């Protein structure tokens, strides 16, 4: 009987340790999302930043295994236009329904569903990205810097899959369907 009780206790402890996970909140003040929109037929475009509202990684067995990040779409900025009027005009247009419709959809979300490590510092992430209430899968490569407590990644999405449907009236001023993101997440 004592042996059975001892074995049960050991099995319960092993299962508890195996399933033990830790939630690691991100530092929203030090984490950044840079967006890049380019023209289709010539070099150039626009760029700026969007802020994280909140977020966390899930750490299980000493590695990142998941997470969820909420993005404040009202925080979108532009960094390449110098004149105040032009900058404000672009930002307001990006908030309109033919772009991100931030009145109706003030938040975006990315939820990590799978992480595959190629080595200690590099991994491939699969995630669900929700923009304008539409959720689609995305995947991207990421690099960890453990000393800086930072993850960095770059990826592009096809904006039309998330109903970001703005079309320029000028063929030579058309914007690409791709939106690029450069992300730095710090704990």
Protein backbone atom coordinates (compact mmCIF):
# COMPACT_ATOMS: atom_id res chain seq x y z
CA UNK A 1 0.00 0.00 0.00
CA UNK A 2 2.82 2.42 0.84
CA UNK A 3 4.51 1.65 -2.45
CA UNK A 4 1.29 2.37 -4.37
CA UNK A 5 0.84 5.69 -2.53
CA UNK A 6 4.50 6.59 -3.16
CA UNK A 7 4.23 5.78 -6.90
CA UNK A 8 0.98 7.77 -7.21
CA UNK A 9 2.63 10.78 -5.56
CA UNK A 10 5.63 10.57 -7.91
CA UNK A 11 3.40 10.28 -11.00
CA UNK A 12 1.32 13.28 -9.91
CA UNK A 13 4.45 15.38 -9.36
CA UNK A 14 5.85 14.41 -12.76
CA UNK A 15 2.57 15.28 -14.47
CA UNK A 16 2.36 18.59 -12.62
CA UNK A 17 5.91 19.52 -13.64
CA UNK A 18 5.32 18.36 -17.22
CA UNK A 19 2.22 20.50 -17.65
CA UNK A 20 3.52 23.44 -15.66
CA UNK A 21 3.54 26.55 -17.78
CA UNK A 22 4.42 30.12 -17.06
CA UNK A 23 2.84 33.28 -18.47
CA UNK A 24 5.48 35.90 -19.36
CA UNK A 25 3.95 39.38 -19.85
CA UNK A 26 5.64 41.53 -22.46
CA UNK A 27 6.94 45.03 -21.86
CA UNK A 28 4.57 47.04 -24.08
CA UNK A 29 6.65 50.22 -23.68
CA UNK A 30 9.81 48.57 -25.09
CA UNK A 31 8.16 46.29 -27.68
CA UNK A 32 7.54 47.62 -31.20
CA UNK A 33 5.60 46.79 -34.35
CA UNK A 34 6.80 48.65 -37.43
CA UNK A 35 4.52 48.47 -40.48
CA UNK A 36 5.72 48.97 -44.06
CA UNK A 37 3.44 49.61 -47.05
CA UNK A 38 5.00 49.86 -50.51
CA UNK A 39 3.90 51.00 -53.94
CA UNK A 40 3.37 48.35 -56.60
CA UNK A 41 5.02 49.93 -59.63
CA UNK A 42 7.84 52.01 -58.19
CA UNK A 43 10.09 52.16 -55.16
CA UNK A 44 8.77 53.90 -52.11
CA UNK A 45 5.81 53.76 -49.80
CA UNK A 46 4.99 54.57 -46.21
CA UNK A 47 5.89 53.23 -42.80
CA UNK A 48 5.15 53.78 -39.15
CA UNK A 49 4.36 52.01 -35.90
CA UNK A 50 1.45 50.36 -34.09
CA UNK A 51 1.54 49.73 -30.34
CA UNK A 52 0.93 46.58 -28.38
CA UNK A 53 -1.88 47.05 -25.87
CA UNK A 54 -0.93 43.91 -23.94
CA UNK A 55 0.53 40.49 -24.51
CA UNK A 56 2.29 37.49 -23.10
CA UNK A 57 4.31 34.44 -24.04
CA UNK A 58 3.61 30.99 -22.68
CA UNK A 59 6.75 29.27 -21.45
CA UNK A 60 6.57 25.51 -21.01
CA UNK A 61 9.52 23.21 -20.24
CA UNK A 62 11.91 26.20 -20.42
CA UNK A 63 10.93 27.21 -23.98
CA UNK A 64 8.37 29.55 -25.51
CA UNK A 65 5.44 27.42 -26.66
CA UNK A 66 2.68 29.98 -27.25
CA UNK A 67 1.35 33.42 -26.51
CA UNK A 68 -1.18 36.07 -27.34
CA UNK A 69 -0.75 39.74 -28.22
CA UNK A 70 -3.36 42.49 -28.49
CA UNK A 71 -2.58 45.41 -30.83
CA UNK A 72 -4.11 48.88 -30.44
CA UNK A 73 -5.06 49.85 -34.00
CA UNK A 74 -5.86 53.42 -32.90
CA UNK A 75 -2.16 53.87 -32.09
CA UNK A 76 -1.08 53.67 -35.75
CA UNK A 77 1.48 56.32 -36.70
CA UNK A 78 3.44 57.40 -39.75
CA UNK A 79 7.18 58.12 -39.64
CA UNK A 80 8.14 58.91 -43.25
CA UNK A 81 5.98 61.99 -43.99
CA UNK A 82 7.45 65.17 -42.50
CA UNK A 83 4.59 67.67 -42.94
CA UNK A 84 2.04 67.51 -40.12
CA UNK A 85 -0.96 67.79 -42.46
CA UNK A 86 0.22 65.00 -44.78
CA UNK A 87 1.12 62.75 -41.86
CA UNK A 88 -2.28 63.27 -40.19
CA UNK A 89 -4.07 62.74 -43.52
CA UNK A 90 -2.40 59.38 -44.08
CA UNK A 91 -2.96 58.18 -40.50
CA UNK A 92 -6.64 59.18 -40.64
CA UNK A 93 -7.00 57.38 -43.99
CA UNK A 94 -5.41 54.22 -42.55
CA UNK A 95 -8.08 54.30 -39.82
CA UNK A 96 -10.92 54.49 -42.40
CA UNK A 97 -13.13 51.48 -43.33
CA UNK A 98 -11.25 50.80 -46.62
CA UNK A 99 -8.10 50.23 -44.56
CA UNK A 100 -8.30 49.13 -40.91
CA UNK A 101 -11.73 50.53 -39.86
CA UNK A 102 -10.50 51.26 -36.33
CA UNK A 103 -13.84 52.65 -35.11
CA UNK A 104 -15.41 49.25 -35.66
CA UNK A 105 -12.26 47.16 -35.02
CA UNK A 106 -10.00 49.01 -32.53
CA UNK A 107 -7.98 45.90 -31.68
CA UNK A 108 -6.07 43.29 -33.65
CA UNK A 109 -4.73 40.07 -32.17
CA UNK A 110 -2.08 37.49 -32.86
CA UNK A 111 -2.24 34.11 -31.11
CA UNK A 112 0.69 31.72 -31.36
CA UNK A 113 -0.51 28.18 -32.07
CA UNK A 114 2.76 26.31 -32.69
CA UNK A 115 6.49 26.86 -32.22
CA UNK A 116 9.16 24.68 -33.89
CA UNK A 117 12.75 25.32 -32.85
CA UNK A 118 15.58 24.89 -35.35
CA UNK A 119 18.10 25.67 -32.60
CA UNK A 120 18.13 27.45 -29.24
CA UNK A 121 17.96 30.93 -30.84
CA UNK A 122 15.71 30.38 -33.88
CA UNK A 123 12.17 29.11 -34.31
CA UNK A 124 9.34 28.97 -36.81
CA UNK A 125 6.04 30.26 -35.44
CA UNK A 126 2.54 29.46 -36.60
CA UNK A 127 -0.12 31.87 -35.42
CA UNK A 128 -3.61 33.19 -36.02
CA UNK A 129 -3.78 36.88 -36.92
CA UNK A 130 -7.07 38.73 -36.44
CA UNK A 131 -7.56 42.06 -38.22
CA UNK A 132 -10.99 43.64 -38.83
CA UNK A 133 -12.62 40.65 -37.13
CA UNK A 134 -11.10 38.24 -39.69
CA UNK A 135 -8.76 35.51 -38.43
CA UNK A 136 -6.26 33.87 -40.81
CA UNK A 137 -3.15 31.78 -40.21
CA UNK A 138 0.32 33.31 -40.59
CA UNK A 139 3.79 31.89 -40.07
CA UNK A 140 7.16 33.50 -39.60
CA UNK A 141 10.73 32.88 -38.50
CA UNK A 142 11.88 34.46 -35.24
CA UNK A 143 15.16 34.97 -33.43
CA UNK A 144 15.58 35.01 -29.65
CA UNK A 145 18.12 37.14 -27.79
CA UNK A 146 18.07 35.77 -24.24
CA UNK A 147 20.44 38.40 -22.80
CA UNK A 148 18.17 41.21 -24.05
CA UNK A 149 14.99 39.19 -23.29
CA UNK A 150 13.85 39.90 -26.86
CA UNK A 151 12.25 38.16 -29.83
CA UNK A 152 12.61 39.67 -33.32
CA UNK A 153 10.78 38.75 -36.49
CA UNK A 154 9.85 40.12 -39.91
CA UNK A 155 6.97 38.95 -42.06
CA UNK A 156 4.46 40.08 -44.67
CA UNK A 157 0.76 39.48 -45.09
CA UNK A 158 -1.62 39.87 -48.03
CA UNK A 159 -3.83 42.71 -46.76
CA UNK A 160 -6.76 41.67 -48.97
CA UNK A 161 -7.20 38.44 -46.96
CA UNK A 162 -8.16 40.66 -44.00
CA UNK A 163 -10.49 42.88 -46.07
CA UNK A 164 -8.03 45.80 -46.18
CA UNK A 165 -9.25 46.70 -49.67
CA UNK A 166 -8.13 50.24 -50.51
CA UNK A 167 -7.46 50.63 -54.24
CA UNK A 168 -5.67 53.69 -55.60
CA UNK A 169 -7.38 55.45 -58.50
CA UNK A 170 -3.99 55.94 -60.18
CA UNK A 171 -2.33 52.85 -61.67
CA UNK A 172 1.19 54.17 -61.10
CA UNK A 173 0.27 55.05 -57.49
CA UNK A 174 -1.14 51.62 -56.64
CA UNK A 175 -0.13 50.19 -53.30
CA UNK A 176 1.07 46.63 -52.92
CA UNK A 177 -1.26 44.03 -51.45
CA UNK A 178 1.58 43.10 -49.09
CA UNK A 179 2.01 44.79 -45.73
CA UNK A 180 5.34 44.18 -44.01
CA UNK A 181 5.90 44.00 -40.27
CA UNK A 182 9.12 44.22 -38.28
CA UNK A 183 8.43 43.17 -34.71
CA UNK A 184 10.53 43.38 -31.58
CA UNK A 185 8.96 41.93 -28.42
CA UNK A 186 10.70 42.48 -25.09
CA UNK A 187 9.93 41.10 -21.68
